[in-house]
Amino acid sequence: MGLNSKQFESSSHPNMPEALDTAVTLETPEGTEIEVHPAGLFARGLAFLIDELIRWTIILIGFSLGGLAGLFGTGIALILAFATYWLYGVGFEVLNNGVTPGKKMQGLQVVHDDGTPVRLPASMIRNLVLYIDLLPAAYAAAIVSMLLTNRFRRLGDLAGGTMVVYQPVSTEPPFASTSGTRPPPFPLSLAEQTVIVDFLERSVKLTNERTEELARILADTLQCPPAQAGTEIKRIANGLRGAS
């Protein structure tokens, strides 16, 4: 997949400090340019602290309740603590479009470094490397890595091919707001279904005009009227997501 990025001196994003967070233009696999805003150290630090507070609240409640059941309860609490710390980030990132509770409060999300939605393998890698980012203390490795990379990426992001960006702010009704479902005109392979669903997810970051332009490319194949290609492909994608 092609990747082309360039840095700009400032950003128009309303919630982002201009001195720390610069806009990056990425070329998606479809050849479309999208602009994202990598989140800096301060915003990511606040999101991380919120997520850590939630993690440890769950863990402490588990140990408090487990202690009432003796040794067996303590064992269950240890399993809960392990699962909470390791699966918290992965679960939210994969099932909630790259957004943990802490990131949601800061308006952030995790994406692949080409701007596409984060998937399970990349999320697992970036969360596993979190403990390396901790070294030698107080997440010093993560802080140094973020300060030295132009997209504020910690070691986990570099290993997983991800970055943390500000969620896009839509200035017009998004294409993805269309409701309803429609079955595909013929059986689709898993790869074809993935292409259509990915198209839907990426459309919210594009203008309606560009989305409709790309939809017309698929119109003939999916037997959609060109004038309604965007809406019809959206309905097919909705049906695929509901069936998955």
Protein backbone atom coordinates (compact mmCIF):
# COMPACT_ATOMS: atom_id res chain seq x y z
CA MET A 1 0.00 0.00 0.00
CA GLY A 2 1.24 3.42 -0.86
CA LEU A 3 2.02 5.90 1.85
CA ASN A 4 2.82 9.52 1.22
CA SER A 5 2.99 11.97 4.09
CA LYS A 6 3.96 15.61 4.42
CA GLN A 7 4.08 17.91 7.41
CA PHE A 8 2.29 21.24 7.67
CA GLU A 9 3.22 24.06 10.02
CA SER A 10 -0.19 24.41 11.67
CA SER A 11 -3.58 22.78 11.95
CA SER A 12 -7.16 24.02 11.83
CA HIS A 13 -8.42 21.33 14.24
CA PRO A 14 -10.31 23.20 16.99
CA ASN A 15 -9.06 21.03 19.88
CA MET A 16 -5.41 20.71 18.96
CA PRO A 17 -2.44 22.87 20.03
CA GLU A 18 -0.84 24.23 16.88
CA ALA A 19 2.68 24.08 18.26
CA LEU A 20 2.60 20.39 19.09
CA ASP A 21 0.27 18.61 16.65
CA THR A 22 0.83 18.97 12.92
CA ALA A 23 -1.37 17.81 10.08
CA VAL A 24 -0.25 14.84 8.00
CA THR A 25 -1.61 14.02 4.56
CA LEU A 26 -1.79 10.28 3.83
CA GLU A 27 -2.47 8.43 0.62
CA THR A 28 -4.85 5.54 1.24
CA PRO A 29 -4.67 2.22 -0.66
CA GLU A 30 -7.41 3.57 -2.96
CA GLY A 31 -5.18 6.48 -3.96
CA THR A 32 -7.22 8.99 -1.96
CA GLU A 33 -5.52 11.66 0.13
CA ILE A 34 -6.83 12.19 3.65
CA GLU A 35 -5.61 14.58 6.31
CA VAL A 36 -5.09 13.38 9.87
CA HIS A 37 -3.82 15.14 12.97
CA PRO A 38 -1.41 13.07 15.11
CA ALA A 39 -1.98 13.65 18.81
CA GLY A 40 0.88 15.01 20.86
CA LEU A 41 2.35 13.98 24.18
CA PHE A 42 0.03 16.00 26.41
CA ALA A 43 -3.28 14.77 24.93
CA ARG A 44 -2.07 11.18 24.78
CA GLY A 45 -0.77 11.39 28.34
CA LEU A 46 -4.15 12.53 29.65
CA ALA A 47 -5.93 9.76 27.72
CA PHE A 48 -3.48 7.20 29.10
CA LEU A 49 -3.98 8.38 32.69
CA ILE A 50 -7.75 8.08 32.34
CA ASP A 51 -7.47 4.57 30.92
CA GLU A 52 -5.01 3.58 33.65
CA LEU A 53 -7.42 4.84 36.30
CA ILE A 54 -10.21 2.73 34.81
CA ARG A 55 -7.95 -0.33 34.55
CA TRP A 56 -6.78 -0.14 38.12
CA THR A 57 -10.26 0.61 39.45
CA ILE A 58 -11.47 -2.64 37.85
CA ILE A 59 -8.44 -4.53 39.20
CA LEU A 60 -8.80 -3.18 42.75
CA ILE A 61 -12.52 -3.97 42.82
CA GLY A 62 -11.69 -7.49 41.63
CA PHE A 63 -9.14 -7.99 44.43
CA SER A 64 -11.49 -6.52 47.02
CA LEU A 65 -14.27 -8.90 46.07
CA GLY A 66 -11.89 -11.81 45.50
CA GLY A 67 -10.40 -11.40 48.95
CA LEU A 68 -13.78 -12.18 50.45
CA ALA A 69 -13.67 -15.65 48.86
CA GLY A 70 -10.26 -16.60 50.20
CA LEU A 71 -7.48 -18.14 48.16
CA PHE A 72 -9.79 -19.15 45.30
CA GLY A 73 -11.14 -15.63 45.04
CA THR A 74 -7.64 -14.20 45.00
CA GLY A 75 -6.77 -16.51 42.10
CA ILE A 76 -9.81 -15.33 40.18
CA ALA A 77 -8.83 -11.73 40.92
CA LEU A 78 -5.34 -12.33 39.53
CA ILE A 79 -6.82 -13.73 36.32
CA LEU A 80 -9.15 -10.73 36.10
CA ALA A 81 -6.24 -8.35 36.62
CA PHE A 82 -4.22 -10.03 33.87
CA ALA A 83 -7.16 -10.01 31.44
CA THR A 84 -8.08 -6.41 32.27
CA TYR A 85 -4.60 -5.05 31.72
CA TRP A 86 -3.90 -6.99 28.53
CA LEU A 87 -7.31 -6.98 26.87
CA TYR A 88 -8.60 -3.53 27.85
CA GLY A 89 -6.77 -1.65 25.10
CA VAL A 90 -7.15 -4.35 22.44
CA GLY A 91 -10.86 -4.80 23.10
CA PHE A 92 -11.75 -1.14 22.87
CA GLU A 93 -9.48 -0.45 19.91
CA VAL A 94 -10.75 -3.32 17.78
CA LEU A 95 -14.43 -3.17 18.75
CA ASN A 96 -14.79 0.59 19.14
CA ASN A 97 -12.96 1.96 16.08
CA GLY A 98 -9.69 2.58 17.91
CA VAL A 99 -11.26 4.51 20.79
CA THR A 100 -10.76 3.67 24.48
CA PRO A 101 -12.68 5.63 27.16
CA GLY A 102 -9.62 7.78 27.81
CA LYS A 103 -9.11 8.50 24.13
CA LYS A 104 -12.81 9.28 23.71
CA MET A 105 -12.58 11.96 26.41
CA GLN A 106 -9.63 13.51 24.57
CA GLY A 107 -11.15 13.10 21.10
CA LEU A 108 -8.48 10.60 19.98
CA GLN A 109 -8.43 7.28 18.15
CA VAL A 110 -5.88 4.67 17.05
CA VAL A 111 -5.51 4.08 13.30
CA HIS A 112 -3.04 2.30 11.05
CA ASP A 113 -0.24 4.51 9.76
CA ASP A 114 -2.03 4.75 6.40
CA GLY A 115 -5.13 6.17 8.09
CA THR A 116 -7.22 2.99 7.90
CA PRO A 117 -9.11 1.60 10.94
CA VAL A 118 -6.93 -0.37 13.34
CA ARG A 119 -7.27 -4.17 13.19
CA LEU A 120 -6.62 -6.94 15.72
CA PRO A 121 -2.98 -7.85 14.83
CA ALA A 122 -1.77 -4.25 14.99
CA SER A 123 -3.70 -3.55 18.18
CA MET A 124 -2.27 -6.63 19.89
CA ILE A 125 1.28 -5.67 18.95
CA ARG A 126 1.01 -2.07 20.12
CA ASN A 127 -0.49 -3.15 23.45
CA LEU A 128 2.06 -5.93 24.02
CA VAL A 129 4.91 -3.48 23.50
CA LEU A 130 3.38 -1.19 26.13
CA TYR A 131 5.59 -2.82 28.77
CA ILE A 132 8.71 -2.02 26.76
CA ASP A 133 7.49 1.57 26.52
CA LEU A 134 7.44 1.57 30.33
CA LEU A 135 11.23 1.12 30.55
CA PRO A 136 13.36 2.17 32.27
CA ALA A 137 10.70 3.91 34.41
CA ALA A 138 7.60 6.09 34.13
CA TYR A 139 7.19 5.28 30.42
CA ALA A 140 10.43 7.05 29.62
CA ALA A 141 10.98 5.01 26.45
CA ALA A 142 7.52 5.95 25.18
CA ILE A 143 8.06 9.64 25.91
CA VAL A 144 11.45 9.72 24.18
CA SER A 145 10.09 7.86 21.17
CA MET A 146 7.13 10.22 20.84
CA LEU A 147 9.35 13.28 21.06
CA LEU A 148 11.77 11.97 18.43
CA THR A 149 9.22 10.82 15.82
CA ASN A 150 7.33 13.24 13.61
CA ARG A 151 3.96 11.62 14.33
CA PHE A 152 4.43 11.29 18.10
CA ARG A 153 4.57 7.48 17.92
CA ARG A 154 5.66 5.38 20.88
CA LEU A 155 7.54 2.11 20.38
CA GLY A 156 4.28 0.17 20.33
CA ASP A 157 3.01 2.31 17.47
CA LEU A 158 6.22 1.81 15.51
CA ALA A 159 6.05 -1.95 16.01
CA GLY A 160 2.35 -2.21 15.17
CA GLY A 161 2.32 0.28 12.30
CA THR A 162 -0.18 2.54 14.09
CA MET A 163 -0.55 6.10 15.28
CA VAL A 164 -2.92 8.03 17.51
CA VAL A 165 -4.80 10.87 15.83
CA TYR A 166 -7.55 13.32 16.64
CA GLN A 167 -10.96 12.07 15.57
CA PRO A 168 -12.18 13.87 12.46
CA VAL A 169 -14.65 16.70 12.93
CA SER A 170 -17.31 16.59 10.22
CA THR A 171 -18.56 19.91 8.85
CA GLU A 172 -21.35 18.32 6.79
CA PRO A 173 -23.75 15.38 7.17
CA PRO A 174 -21.53 12.32 6.73
CA PHE A 175 -22.11 9.88 3.92
CA ALA A 176 -22.12 7.06 6.48
CA SER A 177 -25.30 8.42 8.09
CA THR A 178 -27.45 6.74 5.41
CA SER A 179 -29.68 4.10 7.00
CA GLY A 180 -31.08 0.83 5.71
CA THR A 181 -29.57 -2.36 4.37
CA ARG A 182 -29.45 -4.12 1.03
CA PRO A 183 -28.18 -7.60 0.21
CA PRO A 184 -25.32 -7.79 -2.31
CA PRO A 185 -26.42 -8.70 -5.85
CA PHE A 186 -24.28 -11.86 -5.75
CA PRO A 187 -22.26 -13.82 -3.14
CA LEU A 188 -19.15 -11.95 -2.07
CA SER A 189 -15.88 -13.42 -0.88
CA LEU A 190 -14.51 -12.40 2.51
CA ALA A 191 -11.96 -10.15 0.82
CA GLU A 192 -14.68 -8.43 -1.22
CA GLN A 193 -16.81 -7.92 1.89
CA THR A 194 -13.82 -6.40 3.68
CA VAL A 195 -13.24 -3.95 0.82
CA ILE A 196 -16.85 -2.74 0.95
CA VAL A 197 -16.93 -2.39 4.75
CA ASP A 198 -13.55 -0.62 4.74
CA PHE A 199 -14.91 1.76 2.09
CA LEU A 200 -17.80 2.58 4.42
CA GLU A 201 -15.53 3.20 7.42
CA ARG A 202 -13.18 5.44 5.44
CA SER A 203 -16.00 7.41 3.83
CA VAL A 204 -16.63 9.35 7.04
CA LYS A 205 -13.20 10.95 6.64
CA LEU A 206 -13.88 12.08 3.06
CA THR A 207 -16.16 14.69 1.55
CA ASN A 208 -19.48 13.48 0.20
CA GLU A 209 -18.37 14.41 -3.32
CA ARG A 210 -15.18 12.34 -3.14
CA THR A 211 -17.04 9.44 -1.55
CA GLU A 212 -19.64 9.42 -4.33
CA GLU A 213 -16.84 9.61 -6.91
CA LEU A 214 -15.21 6.50 -5.45
CA ALA A 215 -18.57 4.76 -5.11
CA ARG A 216 -19.23 5.11 -8.82
CA ILE A 217 -16.15 3.00 -9.47
CA LEU A 218 -17.92 0.12 -7.72
CA ALA A 219 -21.36 0.89 -9.10
CA ASP A 220 -21.24 -1.31 -12.20
CA THR A 221 -19.71 -4.28 -10.36
CA LEU A 222 -22.32 -4.11 -7.59
CA GLN A 223 -25.14 -3.35 -10.03
CA CYS A 224 -25.96 0.00 -8.47
CA PRO A 225 -27.38 3.01 -10.35
CA PRO A 226 -24.44 5.45 -10.70
CA ALA A 227 -26.53 8.37 -9.45
CA GLN A 228 -27.27 6.47 -6.20
CA ALA A 229 -24.04 4.50 -5.93
CA GLY A 230 -22.96 5.94 -2.60
CA THR A 231 -26.27 5.27 -0.87
CA GLU A 232 -26.65 1.77 -2.29
CA ILE A 233 -23.10 0.67 -1.46
CA LYS A 234 -23.59 2.10 2.04
CA ARG A 235 -26.67 -0.10 2.43
CA ILE A 236 -24.79 -3.16 1.22
CA ALA A 237 -22.01 -2.40 3.72
CA ASN A 238 -24.57 -1.94 6.51
CA GLY A 239 -25.98 -5.36 5.70
CA LEU A 240 -22.53 -6.95 5.71
CA ARG A 241 -21.65 -5.39 9.07
CA GLY A 242 -24.93 -6.58 10.55
CA ALA A 243 -24.23 -10.10 9.36
CA SER A 244 -20.66 -10.22 10.64
